[in-house]
Amino acid sequence: MKYSLHFLLILCAVEGYRGQRPYQCGARPCSPEFNPVCGWKLSEEGETIDKMFPNVCVMGEENDCNENDSHHWILYDTCPSQIAMDKESLKVKYQKENEKDEEDFRKWLDDLVE
């Protein structure tokens, strides 16, 4: 089913006002480390890895990177650049900066996801 871009932009604006947080149409990468359409990317190695946190779309489905990304609706706050790395790297970084243990890290990570 094909929709015009004008129709999609209007629909996106309407859908954005329905939720608690705003949506954006045609999201672009928020940083070199994170692509909100296709997932996490580690810029040093240049390889794409599994997303720690999935994108949240209006339809509640994962984005398909083979689709036209201008038709994807993504929450504005699904691009936290401070966690654009794999979980183990994040854990090491957190523990080094905060001198905390595993339990503190899990709580911090849970709070970050919410």
PDB file of N, CA and C in Angstrom:
ATOM      1  N   MET A   1       0.841  -1.176   0.000  1.00  0.00           N
ATOM      2  CA  MET A   1       0.000   0.000   0.000  1.00  0.00           C
ATOM      3  C   MET A   1       0.890   1.245   0.000  1.00  0.00           C
ATOM      4  N   LYS A   2       0.728   2.107  -0.964  1.00  0.00           N
ATOM      5  CA  LYS A   2       1.572   3.291  -1.107  1.00  0.00           C
ATOM      6  C   LYS A   2       0.822   4.528  -0.611  1.00  0.00           C
ATOM      7  N   TYR A   3       1.538   5.384   0.094  1.00  0.00           N
ATOM      8  CA  TYR A   3       0.982   6.651   0.551  1.00  0.00           C
ATOM      9  C   TYR A   3       1.869   7.783   0.041  1.00  0.00           C
ATOM     10  N   SER A   4       1.268   8.944  -0.165  1.00  0.00           N
ATOM     11  CA  SER A   4       2.070  10.092  -0.578  1.00  0.00           C
ATOM     12  C   SER A   4       2.843  10.619   0.628  1.00  0.00           C
ATOM     13  N   LEU A   5       3.955  11.271   0.360  1.00  0.00           N
ATOM     14  CA  LEU A   5       4.775  11.829   1.433  1.00  0.00           C
ATOM     15  C   LEU A   5       3.982  12.859   2.235  1.00  0.00           C
ATOM     16  N   HIS A   6       3.174  13.661   1.552  1.00  0.00           N
ATOM     17  CA  HIS A   6       2.351  14.674   2.222  1.00  0.00           C
ATOM     18  C   HIS A   6       1.404  14.016   3.220  1.00  0.00           C
ATOM     19  N   PHE A   7       0.754  12.934   2.801  1.00  0.00           N
ATOM     20  CA  PHE A   7      -0.170  12.207   3.675  1.00  0.00           C
ATOM     21  C   PHE A   7       0.570  11.643   4.885  1.00  0.00           C
ATOM     22  N   LEU A   8       1.756  11.069   4.649  1.00  0.00           N
ATOM     23  CA  LEU A   8       2.530  10.475   5.744  1.00  0.00           C
ATOM     24  C   LEU A   8       2.967  11.526   6.761  1.00  0.00           C
ATOM     25  N   LEU A   9       3.357  12.699   6.287  1.00  0.00           N
ATOM     26  CA  LEU A   9       3.773  13.754   7.205  1.00  0.00           C
ATOM     27  C   LEU A   9       2.616  14.222   8.075  1.00  0.00           C
ATOM     28  N   ILE A  10       1.437  14.351   7.482  1.00  0.00           N
ATOM     29  CA  ILE A  10       0.249  14.740   8.252  1.00  0.00           C
ATOM     30  C   ILE A  10      -0.096  13.663   9.267  1.00  0.00           C
ATOM     31  N   LEU A  11      -0.099  12.413   8.810  1.00  0.00           N
ATOM     32  CA  LEU A  11      -0.416  11.295   9.702  1.00  0.00           C
ATOM     33  C   LEU A  11       0.597  11.213  10.838  1.00  0.00           C
ATOM     34  N   CYS A  12       1.842  11.435  10.517  1.00  0.00           N
ATOM     35  CA  CYS A  12       2.887  11.382  11.535  1.00  0.00           C
ATOM     36  C   CYS A  12       2.674  12.474  12.581  1.00  0.00           C
ATOM     37  N   ALA A  13       2.324  13.658  12.146  1.00  0.00           N
ATOM     38  CA  ALA A  13       2.072  14.756  13.078  1.00  0.00           C
ATOM     39  C   ALA A  13       0.910  14.428  14.008  1.00  0.00           C
ATOM     40  N   VAL A  14      -0.151  13.852  13.440  1.00  0.00           N
ATOM     41  CA  VAL A  14      -1.319  13.466  14.245  1.00  0.00           C
ATOM     42  C   VAL A  14      -0.934  12.383  15.237  1.00  0.00           C
ATOM     43  N   GLU A  15      -0.235  11.350  14.762  1.00  0.00           N
ATOM     44  CA  GLU A  15       0.180  10.254  15.642  1.00  0.00           C
ATOM     45  C   GLU A  15       1.125  10.759  16.730  1.00  0.00           C
ATOM     46  N   GLY A  16       1.973  11.718  16.396  1.00  0.00           N
ATOM     47  CA  GLY A  16       2.917  12.248  17.375  1.00  0.00           C
ATOM     48  C   GLY A  16       2.230  12.913  18.551  1.00  0.00           C
ATOM     49  N   TYR A  17       1.106  13.583  18.299  1.00  0.00           N
ATOM     50  CA  TYR A  17       0.384  14.244  19.378  1.00  0.00           C
ATOM     51  C   TYR A  17      -0.401  13.272  20.244  1.00  0.00           C
ATOM     52  N   ARG A  18      -0.640  12.059  19.746  1.00  0.00           N
ATOM     53  CA  ARG A  18      -1.389  11.074  20.525  1.00  0.00           C
ATOM     54  C   ARG A  18      -0.590  10.525  21.692  1.00  0.00           C
ATOM     55  N   GLY A  19       0.722  10.329  21.490  1.00  0.00           N
ATOM     56  CA  GLY A  19       1.560   9.711  22.514  1.00  0.00           C
ATOM     57  C   GLY A  19       2.073  10.725  23.517  1.00  0.00           C
ATOM     58  N   GLN A  20       2.783  10.217  24.506  1.00  0.00           N
ATOM     59  CA  GLN A  20       3.361  11.089  25.518  1.00  0.00           C
ATOM     60  C   GLN A  20       4.617  11.771  24.994  1.00  0.00           C
ATOM     61  N   ARG A  21       5.307  11.105  24.071  1.00  0.00           N
ATOM     62  CA  ARG A  21       6.541  11.660  23.536  1.00  0.00           C
ATOM     63  C   ARG A  21       6.389  11.872  22.038  1.00  0.00           C
ATOM     64  N   PRO A  22       7.070  12.879  21.497  1.00  0.00           N
ATOM     65  CA  PRO A  22       6.912  13.174  20.068  1.00  0.00           C
ATOM     66  C   PRO A  22       7.576  12.135  19.171  1.00  0.00           C
ATOM     67  N   TYR A  23       6.994  11.928  18.014  1.00  0.00           N
ATOM     68  CA  TYR A  23       7.567  11.043  17.007  1.00  0.00           C
ATOM     69  C   TYR A  23       8.171  11.894  15.905  1.00  0.00           C
ATOM     70  N   GLN A  24       9.093  11.316  15.186  1.00  0.00           N
ATOM     71  CA  GLN A  24       9.612  12.000  14.008  1.00  0.00           C
ATOM     72  C   GLN A  24       9.490  11.076  12.807  1.00  0.00           C
ATOM     73  N   CYS A  25       9.210  11.654  11.663  1.00  0.00           N
ATOM     74  CA  CYS A  25       9.163  10.880  10.425  1.00  0.00           C
ATOM     75  C   CYS A  25      10.532  10.935   9.762  1.00  0.00           C
ATOM     76  N   GLY A  26      10.887   9.865   9.096  1.00  0.00           N
ATOM     77  CA  GLY A  26      12.130   9.858   8.328  1.00  0.00           C
ATOM     78  C   GLY A  26      13.348  10.169   9.160  1.00  0.00           C
ATOM     79  N   ALA A  27      13.481   9.490  10.300  1.00  0.00           N
ATOM     80  CA  ALA A  27      14.600   9.762  11.198  1.00  0.00           C
ATOM     81  C   ALA A  27      15.932   9.496  10.512  1.00  0.00           C
ATOM     82  N   ARG A  28      16.882  10.338  10.783  1.00  0.00           N
ATOM     83  CA  ARG A  28      18.230  10.168  10.276  1.00  0.00           C
ATOM     84  C   ARG A  28      19.137   9.764  11.445  1.00  0.00           C
ATOM     85  N   PRO A  29      20.326   9.241  11.176  1.00  0.00           N
ATOM     86  CA  PRO A  29      21.220   8.876  12.272  1.00  0.00           C
ATOM     87  C   PRO A  29      21.462  10.052  13.214  1.00  0.00           C
ATOM     88  N   CYS A  30      21.390   9.788  14.513  1.00  0.00           N
ATOM     89  CA  CYS A  30      21.553  10.845  15.506  1.00  0.00           C
ATOM     90  C   CYS A  30      23.018  11.169  15.753  1.00  0.00           C
ATOM     91  N   SER A  31      23.883  10.222  15.469  1.00  0.00           N
ATOM     92  CA  SER A  31      25.314  10.407  15.681  1.00  0.00           C
ATOM     93  C   SER A  31      26.035   9.402  14.793  1.00  0.00           C
ATOM     94  N   PRO A  32      27.357   9.531  14.652  1.00  0.00           N
ATOM     95  CA  PRO A  32      28.090   8.531  13.858  1.00  0.00           C
ATOM     96  C   PRO A  32      28.011   7.144  14.474  1.00  0.00           C
ATOM     97  N   GLU A  33      27.742   7.073  15.780  1.00  0.00           N
ATOM     98  CA  GLU A  33      27.722   5.785  16.459  1.00  0.00           C
ATOM     99  C   GLU A  33      26.371   5.089  16.387  1.00  0.00           C
ATOM    100  N   PHE A  34      25.301   5.848  16.197  1.00  0.00           N
ATOM    101  CA  PHE A  34      23.971   5.250  16.276  1.00  0.00           C
ATOM    102  C   PHE A  34      23.127   5.600  15.073  1.00  0.00           C
ATOM    103  N   ASN A  35      22.545   4.586  14.460  1.00  0.00           N
ATOM    104  CA  ASN A  35      21.619   4.780  13.358  1.00  0.00           C
ATOM    105  C   ASN A  35      20.249   4.345  13.851  1.00  0.00           C
ATOM    106  N   PRO A  36      19.298   5.272  14.009  1.00  0.00           N
ATOM    107  CA  PRO A  36      17.993   4.911  14.563  1.00  0.00           C
ATOM    108  C   PRO A  36      17.171   4.007  13.663  1.00  0.00           C
ATOM    109  N   VAL A  37      17.572   3.858  12.413  1.00  0.00           N
ATOM    110  CA  VAL A  37      16.826   2.974  11.518  1.00  0.00           C
ATOM    111  C   VAL A  37      17.403   1.568  11.526  1.00  0.00           C
ATOM    112  N   CYS A  38      18.707   1.445  11.409  1.00  0.00           N
ATOM    113  CA  CYS A  38      19.323   0.125  11.242  1.00  0.00           C
ATOM    114  C   CYS A  38      20.050  -0.399  12.465  1.00  0.00           C
ATOM    115  N   GLY A  39      20.154   0.350  13.521  1.00  0.00           N
ATOM    116  CA  GLY A  39      20.742  -0.176  14.741  1.00  0.00           C
ATOM    117  C   GLY A  39      22.022   0.521  15.155  1.00  0.00           C
ATOM    118  N   TRP A  40      22.745  -0.132  16.037  1.00  0.00           N
ATOM    119  CA  TRP A  40      23.971   0.434  16.584  1.00  0.00           C
ATOM    120  C   TRP A  40      25.140   0.200  15.641  1.00  0.00           C
ATOM    121  N   LYS A  41      26.043   1.148  15.616  1.00  0.00           N
ATOM    122  CA  LYS A  41      27.249   0.988  14.807  1.00  0.00           C
ATOM    123  C   LYS A  41      28.447   1.468  15.617  1.00  0.00           C
ATOM    124  N   LEU A  42      29.453   0.633  15.712  1.00  0.00           N
ATOM    125  CA  LEU A  42      30.672   1.036  16.393  1.00  0.00           C
ATOM    126  C   LEU A  42      31.575   1.711  15.373  1.00  0.00           C
ATOM    127  N   SER A  43      31.792   3.001  15.534  1.00  0.00           N
ATOM    128  CA  SER A  43      32.531   3.755  14.522  1.00  0.00           C
ATOM    129  C   SER A  43      33.999   3.330  14.422  1.00  0.00           C
ATOM    130  N   GLU A  44      34.602   2.885  15.539  1.00  0.00           N
ATOM    131  CA  GLU A  44      36.011   2.505  15.489  1.00  0.00           C
ATOM    132  C   GLU A  44      36.214   1.305  14.557  1.00  0.00           C
ATOM    133  N   GLU A  45      35.422   0.269  14.756  1.00  0.00           N
ATOM    134  CA  GLU A  45      35.559  -0.936  13.940  1.00  0.00           C
ATOM    135  C   GLU A  45      34.782  -0.834  12.631  1.00  0.00           C
ATOM    136  N   GLY A  46      33.789   0.059  12.599  1.00  0.00           N
ATOM    137  CA  GLY A  46      32.976   0.200  11.405  1.00  0.00           C
ATOM    138  C   GLY A  46      32.038  -0.965  11.176  1.00  0.00           C
ATOM    139  N   GLU A  47      31.728  -1.714  12.228  1.00  0.00           N
ATOM    140  CA  GLU A  47      30.839  -2.851  12.061  1.00  0.00           C
ATOM    141  C   GLU A  47      29.526  -2.621  12.812  1.00  0.00           C
ATOM    142  N   THR A  48      28.453  -3.124  12.241  1.00  0.00           N
ATOM    143  CA  THR A  48      27.150  -2.983  12.873  1.00  0.00           C
ATOM    144  C   THR A  48      26.949  -4.145  13.841  1.00  0.00           C
ATOM    145  N   ILE A  49      26.461  -3.836  15.034  1.00  0.00           N
ATOM    146  CA  ILE A  49      26.193  -4.885  16.011  1.00  0.00           C
ATOM    147  C   ILE A  49      24.719  -4.853  16.389  1.00  0.00           C
ATOM    148  N   ASP A  50      24.258  -5.871  17.112  1.00  0.00           N
ATOM    149  CA  ASP A  50      22.867  -5.901  17.546  1.00  0.00           C
ATOM    150  C   ASP A  50      22.567  -4.698  18.426  1.00  0.00           C
ATOM    151  N   LYS A  51      21.369  -4.199  18.286  1.00  0.00           N
ATOM    152  CA  LYS A  51      20.951  -3.079  19.116  1.00  0.00           C
ATOM    153  C   LYS A  51      20.785  -3.535  20.560  1.00  0.00           C
ATOM    154  N   MET A  52      21.267  -2.728  21.484  1.00  0.00           N
ATOM    155  CA  MET A  52      21.001  -3.007  22.893  1.00  0.00           C
ATOM    156  C   MET A  52      19.527  -2.756  23.169  1.00  0.00           C
ATOM    157  N   PHE A  53      19.019  -1.686  22.600  1.00  0.00           N
ATOM    158  CA  PHE A  53      17.627  -1.319  22.812  1.00  0.00           C
ATOM    159  C   PHE A  53      16.963  -1.169  21.452  1.00  0.00           C
ATOM    160  N   PRO A  54      15.848  -1.842  21.201  1.00  0.00           N
ATOM    161  CA  PRO A  54      15.204  -1.751  19.892  1.00  0.00           C
ATOM    162  C   PRO A  54      14.574  -0.385  19.672  1.00  0.00           C
ATOM    163  N   ASN A  55      14.452  -0.013  18.422  1.00  0.00           N
ATOM    164  CA  ASN A  55      13.725   1.206  18.096  1.00  0.00           C
ATOM    165  C   ASN A  55      12.263   1.018  18.466  1.00  0.00           C
ATOM    166  N   VAL A  56      11.625   2.076  18.882  1.00  0.00           N
ATOM    167  CA  VAL A  56      10.203   2.025  19.204  1.00  0.00           C
ATOM    168  C   VAL A  56       9.462   2.741  18.088  1.00  0.00           C
ATOM    169  N   CYS A  57       8.698   1.993  17.310  1.00  0.00           N
ATOM    170  CA  CYS A  57       7.981   2.574  16.184  1.00  0.00           C
ATOM    171  C   CYS A  57       6.497   2.690  16.514  1.00  0.00           C
ATOM    172  N   VAL A  58       5.800   3.525  15.767  1.00  0.00           N
ATOM    173  CA  VAL A  58       4.376   3.738  16.004  1.00  0.00           C
ATOM    174  C   VAL A  58       3.606   2.431  15.948  1.00  0.00           C
ATOM    175  N   MET A  59       3.984   1.559  15.014  1.00  0.00           N
ATOM    176  CA  MET A  59       3.268   0.296  14.859  1.00  0.00           C
ATOM    177  C   MET A  59       3.797  -0.779  15.810  1.00  0.00           C
ATOM    178  N   GLY A  60       4.775  -0.447  16.613  1.00  0.00           N
ATOM    179  CA  GLY A  60       5.309  -1.393  17.581  1.00  0.00           C
ATOM    180  C   GLY A  60       6.139  -2.493  16.963  1.00  0.00           C
ATOM    181  N   GLU A  61       6.756  -2.223  15.818  1.00  0.00           N
ATOM    182  CA  GLU A  61       7.553  -3.234  15.137  1.00  0.00           C
ATOM    183  C   GLU A  61       8.966  -2.719  14.916  1.00  0.00           C
ATOM    184  N   GLU A  62       9.887  -3.657  14.743  1.00  0.00           N
ATOM    185  CA  GLU A  62      11.259  -3.277  14.425  1.00  0.00           C
ATOM    186  C   GLU A  62      11.304  -2.671  13.022  1.00  0.00           C
ATOM    187  N   ASN A  63      12.203  -1.752  12.820  1.00  0.00           N
ATOM    188  CA  ASN A  63      12.395  -1.199  11.482  1.00  0.00           C
ATOM    189  C   ASN A  63      13.071  -2.221  10.583  1.00  0.00           C
ATOM    190  N   ASP A  64      12.719  -2.212   9.324  1.00  0.00           N
ATOM    191  CA  ASP A  64      13.352  -3.072   8.333  1.00  0.00           C
ATOM    192  C   ASP A  64      14.326  -2.208   7.542  1.00  0.00           C
ATOM    193  N   CYS A  65      15.615  -2.496   7.661  1.00  0.00           N
ATOM    194  CA  CYS A  65      16.621  -1.656   7.008  1.00  0.00           C
ATOM    195  C   CYS A  65      16.570  -1.743   5.486  1.00  0.00           C
ATOM    196  N   ASN A  66      15.829  -2.690   4.959  1.00  0.00           N
ATOM    197  CA  ASN A  66      15.691  -2.792   3.511  1.00  0.00           C
ATOM    198  C   ASN A  66      14.566  -1.907   2.984  1.00  0.00           C
ATOM    199  N   GLU A  67      13.760  -1.383   3.884  1.00  0.00           N
ATOM    200  CA  GLU A  67      12.658  -0.516   3.479  1.00  0.00           C
ATOM    201  C   GLU A  67      13.162   0.920   3.336  1.00  0.00           C
ATOM    202  N   ASN A  68      12.348   1.753   2.734  1.00  0.00           N
ATOM    203  CA  ASN A  68      12.684   3.164   2.595  1.00  0.00           C
ATOM    204  C   ASN A  68      12.604   3.816   3.972  1.00  0.00           C
ATOM    205  N   ASP A  69      13.743   4.260   4.503  1.00  0.00           N
ATOM    206  CA  ASP A  69      13.740   4.773   5.871  1.00  0.00           C
ATOM    207  C   ASP A  69      12.973   6.077   6.041  1.00  0.00           C
ATOM    208  N   SER A  70      12.605   6.744   4.965  1.00  0.00           N
ATOM    209  CA  SER A  70      11.834   7.977   5.109  1.00  0.00           C
ATOM    210  C   SER A  70      10.401   7.701   5.554  1.00  0.00           C
ATOM    211  N   HIS A  71       9.992   6.440   5.527  1.00  0.00           N
ATOM    212  CA  HIS A  71       8.639   6.092   5.962  1.00  0.00           C
ATOM    213  C   HIS A  71       8.615   5.521   7.372  1.00  0.00           C
ATOM    214  N   HIS A  72       9.754   5.536   8.070  1.00  0.00           N
ATOM    215  CA  HIS A  72       9.787   5.002   9.422  1.00  0.00           C
ATOM    216  C   HIS A  72       9.474   6.094  10.443  1.00  0.00           C
ATOM    217  N   TRP A  73       8.702   5.728  11.424  1.00  0.00           N
ATOM    218  CA  TRP A  73       8.354   6.657  12.502  1.00  0.00           C
ATOM    219  C   TRP A  73       9.066   6.181  13.751  1.00  0.00           C
ATOM    220  N   ILE A  74       9.866   7.028  14.348  1.00  0.00           N
ATOM    221  CA  ILE A  74      10.710   6.628  15.461  1.00  0.00           C
ATOM    222  C   ILE A  74      10.631   7.676  16.566  1.00  0.00           C
ATOM    223  N   LEU A  75      10.615   7.229  17.808  1.00  0.00           N
ATOM    224  CA  LEU A  75      10.614   8.169  18.921  1.00  0.00           C
ATOM    225  C   LEU A  75      11.884   9.012  18.906  1.00  0.00           C
ATOM    226  N   TYR A  76      11.745  10.291  19.228  1.00  0.00           N
ATOM    227  CA  TYR A  76      12.902  11.174  19.251  1.00  0.00           C
ATOM    228  C   TYR A  76      13.975  10.689  20.221  1.00  0.00           C
ATOM    229  N   ASP A  77      13.561  10.130  21.347  1.00  0.00           N
ATOM    230  CA  ASP A  77      14.552   9.790  22.365  1.00  0.00           C
ATOM    231  C   ASP A  77      15.058   8.358  22.268  1.00  0.00           C
ATOM    232  N   THR A  78      15.040   7.763  21.064  1.00  0.00           N
ATOM    233  CA  THR A  78      15.625   6.432  20.908  1.00  0.00           C
ATOM    234  C   THR A  78      17.064   6.531  20.410  1.00  0.00           C
ATOM    235  N   CYS A  79      17.691   7.677  20.601  1.00  0.00           N
ATOM    236  CA  CYS A  79      19.039   7.886  20.085  1.00  0.00           C
ATOM    237  C   CYS A  79      19.985   8.361  21.177  1.00  0.00           C
ATOM    238  N   PRO A  80      20.109   7.626  22.274  1.00  0.00           N
ATOM    239  CA  PRO A  80      21.002   8.086  23.338  1.00  0.00           C
ATOM    240  C   PRO A  80      22.460   7.812  22.990  1.00  0.00           C
ATOM    241  N   SER A  81      23.209   8.831  22.579  1.00  0.00           N
ATOM    242  CA  SER A  81      24.579   8.616  22.113  1.00  0.00           C
ATOM    243  C   SER A  81      25.493   8.100  23.219  1.00  0.00           C
ATOM    244  N   GLN A  82      25.135   8.362  24.478  1.00  0.00           N
ATOM    245  CA  GLN A  82      26.009   7.912  25.562  1.00  0.00           C
ATOM    246  C   GLN A  82      26.018   6.403  25.721  1.00  0.00           C
ATOM    247  N   ILE A  83      25.085   5.682  25.092  1.00  0.00           N
ATOM    248  CA  ILE A  83      25.088   4.224  25.202  1.00  0.00           C
ATOM    249  C   ILE A  83      25.270   3.566  23.842  1.00  0.00           C
ATOM    250  N   ALA A  84      25.933   4.269  22.923  1.00  0.00           N
ATOM    251  CA  ALA A  84      26.156   3.712  21.591  1.00  0.00           C
ATOM    252  C   ALA A  84      27.373   2.800  21.591  1.00  0.00           C
ATOM    253  N   MET A  85      27.265   1.702  22.286  1.00  0.00           N
ATOM    254  CA  MET A  85      28.342   0.716  22.345  1.00  0.00           C
ATOM    255  C   MET A  85      27.736  -0.585  22.849  1.00  0.00           C
ATOM    256  N   ASP A  86      28.462  -1.667  22.726  1.00  0.00           N
ATOM    257  CA  ASP A  86      27.916  -2.930  23.197  1.00  0.00           C
ATOM    258  C   ASP A  86      27.883  -2.954  24.725  1.00  0.00           C
ATOM    259  N   LYS A  87      27.097  -3.884  25.261  1.00  0.00           N
ATOM    260  CA  LYS A  87      26.846  -3.914  26.700  1.00  0.00           C
ATOM    261  C   LYS A  87      28.118  -4.100  27.520  1.00  0.00           C
ATOM    262  N   GLU A  88      29.011  -4.945  27.059  1.00  0.00           N
ATOM    263  CA  GLU A  88      30.244  -5.196  27.817  1.00  0.00           C
ATOM    264  C   GLU A  88      31.114  -3.946  27.882  1.00  0.00           C
ATOM    265  N   SER A  89      31.228  -3.236  26.767  1.00  0.00           N
ATOM    266  CA  SER A  89      32.000  -1.992  26.765  1.00  0.00           C
ATOM    267  C   SER A  89      31.360  -0.967  27.685  1.00  0.00           C
ATOM    268  N   LEU A  90      30.035  -0.924  27.653  1.00  0.00           N
ATOM    269  CA  LEU A  90      29.302   0.004  28.505  1.00  0.00           C
ATOM    270  C   LEU A  90      29.548  -0.321  29.974  1.00  0.00           C
ATOM    271  N   LYS A  91      29.536  -1.612  30.293  1.00  0.00           N
ATOM    272  CA  LYS A  91      29.767  -2.055  31.670  1.00  0.00           C
ATOM    273  C   LYS A  91      31.167  -1.647  32.151  1.00  0.00           C
ATOM    274  N   VAL A  92      32.162  -1.897  31.315  1.00  0.00           N
ATOM    275  CA  VAL A  92      33.533  -1.540  31.670  1.00  0.00           C
ATOM    276  C   VAL A  92      33.652  -0.031  31.860  1.00  0.00           C
ATOM    277  N   LYS A  93      33.068   0.721  30.942  1.00  0.00           N
ATOM    278  CA  LYS A  93      33.107   2.186  31.016  1.00  0.00           C
ATOM    279  C   LYS A  93      32.439   2.674  32.296  1.00  0.00           C
ATOM    280  N   TYR A  94      31.268   2.129  32.599  1.00  0.00           N
ATOM    281  CA  TYR A  94      30.531   2.541  33.796  1.00  0.00           C
ATOM    282  C   TYR A  94      31.319   2.224  35.067  1.00  0.00           C
ATOM    283  N   GLN A  95      31.834   0.997  35.146  1.00  0.00           N
ATOM    284  CA  GLN A  95      32.553   0.586  36.350  1.00  0.00           C
ATOM    285  C   GLN A  95      33.836   1.394  36.544  1.00  0.00           C
ATOM    286  N   LYS A  96      34.491   1.700  35.448  1.00  0.00           N
ATOM    287  CA  LYS A  96      35.735   2.472  35.530  1.00  0.00           C
ATOM    288  C   LYS A  96      35.445   3.900  36.006  1.00  0.00           C
ATOM    289  N   GLU A  97      34.385   4.514  35.456  1.00  0.00           N
ATOM    290  CA  GLU A  97      34.056   5.891  35.803  1.00  0.00           C
ATOM    291  C   GLU A  97      33.451   6.015  37.196  1.00  0.00           C
ATOM    292  N   ASN A  98      32.698   5.008  37.614  1.00  0.00           N
ATOM    293  CA  ASN A  98      31.945   5.119  38.858  1.00  0.00           C
ATOM    294  C   ASN A  98      32.423   4.203  39.981  1.00  0.00           C
ATOM    295  N   GLU A  99      33.356   3.309  39.652  1.00  0.00           N
ATOM    296  CA  GLU A  99      33.863   2.351  40.631  1.00  0.00           C
ATOM    297  C   GLU A  99      32.717   1.628  41.336  1.00  0.00           C
ATOM    298  N   LYS A 100      31.806   1.118  40.536  1.00  0.00           N
ATOM    299  CA  LYS A 100      30.638   0.404  41.069  1.00  0.00           C
ATOM    300  C   LYS A 100      30.721  -1.068  40.711  1.00  0.00           C
ATOM    301  N   ASP A 101      29.876  -1.867  41.361  1.00  0.00           N
ATOM    302  CA  ASP A 101      29.879  -3.304  41.089  1.00  0.00           C
ATOM    303  C   ASP A 101      28.784  -3.689  40.091  1.00  0.00           C
ATOM    304  N   GLU A 102      28.668  -4.986  39.820  1.00  0.00           N
ATOM    305  CA  GLU A 102      27.721  -5.522  38.828  1.00  0.00           C
ATOM    306  C   GLU A 102      26.276  -5.132  39.136  1.00  0.00           C
ATOM    307  N   GLU A 103      25.888  -5.211  40.404  1.00  0.00           N
ATOM    308  CA  GLU A 103      24.503  -4.893  40.780  1.00  0.00           C
ATOM    309  C   GLU A 103      24.178  -3.426  40.515  1.00  0.00           C
ATOM    310  N   ASP A 104      25.102  -2.542  40.831  1.00  0.00           N
ATOM    311  CA  ASP A 104      24.906  -1.121  40.556  1.00  0.00           C
ATOM    312  C   ASP A 104      24.777  -0.871  39.057  1.00  0.00           C
ATOM    313  N   PHE A 105      25.586  -1.585  38.275  1.00  0.00           N
ATOM    314  CA  PHE A 105      25.532  -1.431  36.822  1.00  0.00           C
ATOM    315  C   PHE A 105      24.166  -1.841  36.278  1.00  0.00           C
ATOM    316  N   ARG A 106      23.654  -2.982  36.750  1.00  0.00           N
ATOM    317  CA  ARG A 106      22.342  -3.452  36.276  1.00  0.00           C
ATOM    318  C   ARG A 106      21.247  -2.440  36.588  1.00  0.00           C
ATOM    319  N   LYS A 107      21.266  -1.887  37.792  1.00  0.00           N
ATOM    320  CA  LYS A 107      20.259  -0.895  38.171  1.00  0.00           C
ATOM    321  C   LYS A 107      20.391   0.349  37.296  1.00  0.00           C
ATOM    322  N   TRP A 108      21.621   0.793  37.079  1.00  0.00           N
ATOM    323  CA  TRP A 108      21.860   1.967  36.246  1.00  0.00           C
ATOM    324  C   TRP A 108      21.369   1.735  34.819  1.00  0.00           C
ATOM    325  N   LEU A 109      21.640   0.523  34.284  1.00  0.00           N
ATOM    326  CA  LEU A 109      21.220   0.196  32.928  1.00  0.00           C
ATOM    327  C   LEU A 109      19.696   0.145  32.831  1.00  0.00           C
ATOM    328  N   ASP A 110      19.036  -0.443  33.838  1.00  0.00           N
ATOM    329  CA  ASP A 110      17.567  -0.490  33.866  1.00  0.00           C
ATOM    330  C   ASP A 110      16.978   0.914  33.888  1.00  0.00           C
ATOM    331  N   ASP A 111      17.559   1.794  34.695  1.00  0.00           N
ATOM    332  CA  ASP A 111      17.078   3.174  34.769  1.00  0.00           C
ATOM    333  C   ASP A 111      17.266   3.890  33.439  1.00  0.00           C
ATOM    334  N   LEU A 112      18.358   3.581  32.758  1.00  0.00           N
ATOM    335  CA  LEU A 112      18.662   4.209  31.475  1.00  0.00           C
ATOM    336  C   LEU A 112      17.656   3.810  30.407  1.00  0.00           C
ATOM    337  N   VAL A 113      17.202   2.554  30.443  1.00  0.00           N
ATOM    338  CA  VAL A 113      16.262   2.048  29.442  1.00  0.00           C
ATOM    339  C   VAL A 113      14.882   2.651  29.640  1.00  0.00           C
ATOM    340  N   GLU A 114      14.489   2.886  30.888  1.00  0.00           N
ATOM    341  CA  GLU A 114      13.137   3.395  31.176  1.00  0.00           C
ATOM    342  C   GLU A 114      12.919   4.798  30.725  1.00  0.00           C
TER     343      GLU A 114
END
